[in-house]
């Protein structure tokens, strides 16, 4: 039988951090029409392979939701560590979004007035948004069965490495 209080608490462990991250997209990313209206100097593809990232994220999110809602046993230490990793990923993404501001785009592009951001988490990590996404997927994978967790985490790491290299090439070619 479903315990509504327990279920609400566990669902909140995942959905509240996600909600905060989504609010930050609206708050820290400039919606200034003058900033977004001019043409980018360079665009390297669209969202493309990131849909696979989203699929991996969704798969482990569903598995985590199932684990938290449909089972009655308490979280294991392993799952608690996964949740902490997930939260660290959310926090890193929020911090990176705040520092990146109007230079954020889901697409690989460089605007005419683009600059390399080197403050906040970008002082220590070259691609904190990607690292945060991988931490989120990896953390949620702790809740999933191995047959789902390993491919989802592996796909996330592979896409992170690919996307990092593509962004580095694009930035180097246009910003030096």
Protein backbone atom coordinates (compact mmCIF):
# COMPACT_ATOMS: atom_id res chain seq x y z
CA UNK A 1 0.00 0.00 0.00
CA UNK A 2 1.19 3.49 -0.87
CA UNK A 3 2.08 5.75 2.06
CA UNK A 4 1.22 9.24 0.78
CA UNK A 5 3.44 11.13 3.24
CA UNK A 6 6.46 8.92 2.53
CA UNK A 7 5.85 9.05 -1.22
CA UNK A 8 5.49 12.84 -1.20
CA UNK A 9 8.71 13.19 0.77
CA UNK A 10 10.69 10.94 -1.56
CA UNK A 11 9.29 12.51 -4.73
CA UNK A 12 10.18 15.90 -3.27
CA UNK A 13 13.78 14.74 -2.84
CA UNK A 14 14.04 14.61 -6.63
CA UNK A 15 11.45 17.06 -7.97
CA UNK A 16 12.21 20.05 -5.72
CA UNK A 17 15.87 20.27 -6.81
CA UNK A 18 14.81 19.89 -10.45
CA UNK A 19 12.25 22.65 -9.99
CA UNK A 20 14.86 24.96 -8.49
CA UNK A 21 17.15 24.33 -11.43
CA UNK A 22 14.36 25.15 -13.90
CA UNK A 23 13.61 28.38 -12.04
CA UNK A 24 17.26 29.33 -12.40
CA UNK A 25 17.07 28.94 -16.17
CA UNK A 26 14.48 31.72 -16.17
CA UNK A 27 16.27 33.86 -13.63
CA UNK A 28 19.90 33.70 -14.72
CA UNK A 29 19.55 33.39 -18.48
CA UNK A 30 18.98 36.79 -20.06
CA UNK A 31 15.73 37.14 -21.99
CA UNK A 32 16.86 40.47 -23.42
CA UNK A 33 15.51 40.54 -27.03
CA UNK A 34 18.39 42.73 -28.15
CA UNK A 35 20.86 40.13 -26.90
CA UNK A 36 19.17 37.19 -28.55
CA UNK A 37 18.07 38.89 -31.76
CA UNK A 38 21.41 39.23 -33.53
CA UNK A 39 22.84 36.35 -35.48
CA UNK A 40 25.48 34.16 -33.93
CA UNK A 41 28.95 34.26 -35.44
CA UNK A 42 29.09 30.47 -35.52
CA UNK A 43 26.71 27.61 -34.91
CA UNK A 44 27.82 24.00 -34.70
CA UNK A 45 24.71 21.91 -35.02
CA UNK A 46 21.55 22.06 -33.00
CA UNK A 47 20.42 20.23 -29.91
CA UNK A 48 21.01 16.93 -31.72
CA UNK A 49 22.77 14.34 -29.59
CA UNK A 50 21.63 16.08 -26.43
CA UNK A 51 18.30 14.28 -26.93
CA UNK A 52 20.17 11.10 -25.98
CA UNK A 53 21.34 12.89 -22.85
CA UNK A 54 17.72 13.74 -22.10
CA UNK A 55 16.68 10.13 -22.71
CA UNK A 56 19.33 8.85 -20.28
CA UNK A 57 18.21 11.43 -17.74
CA UNK A 58 14.56 10.49 -18.14
CA UNK A 59 15.28 6.75 -17.87
CA UNK A 60 17.09 7.04 -14.54
CA UNK A 61 14.56 9.62 -13.30
CA UNK A 62 11.73 7.16 -13.93
CA UNK A 63 13.71 4.38 -12.25
CA UNK A 64 14.39 6.62 -9.24
CA UNK A 65 10.74 7.61 -9.08
CA UNK A 66 9.67 3.98 -9.23
CA UNK A 67 12.12 3.06 -6.49
CA UNK A 68 10.97 5.92 -4.28
CA UNK A 69 7.23 5.49 -4.83
CA UNK A 70 6.59 1.80 -5.37
CA UNK A 71 8.87 0.22 -2.80
CA UNK A 72 8.45 0.37 0.94
CA UNK A 73 11.96 -0.24 2.20
CA UNK A 74 14.07 2.76 3.31
CA UNK A 75 16.87 4.25 1.25
CA UNK A 76 20.14 2.39 1.38
CA UNK A 77 23.45 4.12 2.06
CA UNK A 78 24.28 3.62 -1.63
CA UNK A 79 21.07 5.41 -2.66
CA UNK A 80 21.76 8.18 -0.15
CA UNK A 81 25.15 8.71 -1.78
CA UNK A 82 23.43 8.77 -5.17
CA UNK A 83 21.00 11.40 -3.95
CA UNK A 84 23.92 13.50 -2.64
CA UNK A 85 25.64 13.20 -6.04
CA UNK A 86 22.39 14.21 -7.74
CA UNK A 87 22.09 17.28 -5.47
CA UNK A 88 25.71 18.22 -6.13
CA UNK A 89 24.96 18.08 -9.86
CA UNK A 90 21.92 20.32 -9.46
CA UNK A 91 23.90 22.82 -7.34
CA UNK A 92 26.79 22.86 -9.83
CA UNK A 93 24.40 23.47 -12.74
CA UNK A 94 22.65 26.33 -10.92
CA UNK A 95 25.97 27.97 -10.08
CA UNK A 96 27.24 27.53 -13.65
CA UNK A 97 24.01 28.93 -15.12
CA UNK A 98 24.30 31.95 -12.85
CA UNK A 99 27.84 32.66 -14.03
CA UNK A 100 27.18 31.89 -17.69
CA UNK A 101 24.06 34.05 -17.89
CA UNK A 102 23.28 35.28 -21.42
CA UNK A 103 26.04 33.16 -22.95
CA UNK A 104 24.12 29.97 -22.19
CA UNK A 105 22.56 28.10 -25.10
CA UNK A 106 21.47 24.51 -25.51
CA UNK A 107 23.02 24.75 -28.98
CA UNK A 108 26.71 24.99 -29.73
CA UNK A 109 27.11 28.60 -30.81
CA UNK A 110 29.29 31.66 -30.44
CA UNK A 111 27.76 35.15 -30.58
CA UNK A 112 29.56 38.15 -32.04
CA UNK A 113 29.94 39.59 -28.52
CA UNK A 114 30.76 36.26 -26.91
CA UNK A 115 33.49 35.91 -24.29
CA UNK A 116 34.91 32.99 -22.35
CA UNK A 117 33.48 32.87 -18.84
CA UNK A 118 36.22 32.22 -16.27
CA UNK A 119 34.53 32.99 -12.95
CA UNK A 120 32.55 30.87 -10.52
CA UNK A 121 32.83 27.15 -11.25
CA UNK A 122 34.49 27.95 -14.58
CA UNK A 123 37.64 28.88 -12.64
CA UNK A 124 38.08 25.23 -11.66
CA UNK A 125 36.07 23.19 -14.15
CA UNK A 126 36.03 23.73 -17.89
CA UNK A 127 32.45 22.51 -18.47
CA UNK A 128 30.54 22.61 -15.16
CA UNK A 129 27.09 22.41 -16.79
CA UNK A 130 28.03 19.12 -18.43
CA UNK A 131 29.68 17.82 -15.27
CA UNK A 132 26.54 18.74 -13.34
CA UNK A 133 24.32 16.88 -15.80
CA UNK A 134 26.54 13.81 -15.59
CA UNK A 135 26.46 14.00 -11.77
CA UNK A 136 22.65 14.20 -11.85
CA UNK A 137 22.35 11.18 -14.14
CA UNK A 138 25.00 9.28 -12.20
CA UNK A 139 23.32 10.07 -8.88
CA UNK A 140 19.90 8.95 -10.08
CA UNK A 141 21.51 5.83 -11.54
CA UNK A 142 22.17 4.70 -7.95
CA UNK A 143 18.40 4.13 -7.71
CA UNK A 144 18.13 2.18 -10.97
CA UNK A 145 18.83 -1.47 -11.72
CA UNK A 146 22.28 -2.10 -13.19
CA UNK A 147 20.90 -2.98 -16.64
CA UNK A 148 19.60 0.61 -16.86
CA UNK A 149 22.09 2.50 -14.71
CA UNK A 150 25.28 1.40 -16.48
CA UNK A 151 24.14 2.30 -20.03
CA UNK A 152 22.58 5.60 -18.89
CA UNK A 153 25.70 6.68 -16.99
CA UNK A 154 27.97 5.45 -19.77
CA UNK A 155 25.98 7.32 -22.40
CA UNK A 156 26.07 10.46 -20.28
CA UNK A 157 29.85 10.28 -19.92
CA UNK A 158 30.35 9.61 -23.64
CA UNK A 159 28.09 12.52 -24.63
CA UNK A 160 29.80 14.79 -22.11
CA UNK A 161 33.22 14.04 -23.59
CA UNK A 162 31.94 14.51 -27.15
CA UNK A 163 30.13 17.76 -26.36
CA UNK A 164 33.10 19.14 -24.40
CA UNK A 165 35.44 18.56 -27.34
CA UNK A 166 32.98 20.08 -29.82
CA UNK A 167 32.51 23.19 -27.65
CA UNK A 168 36.26 23.56 -27.14
CA UNK A 169 36.88 23.37 -30.91
CA UNK A 170 34.16 25.94 -31.62
CA UNK A 171 35.38 28.38 -28.96
CA UNK A 172 39.01 28.00 -30.02
CA UNK A 173 38.16 28.60 -33.67
CA UNK A 174 36.18 31.78 -32.96
CA UNK A 175 37.62 33.24 -29.76
CA UNK A 176 41.18 32.01 -29.91
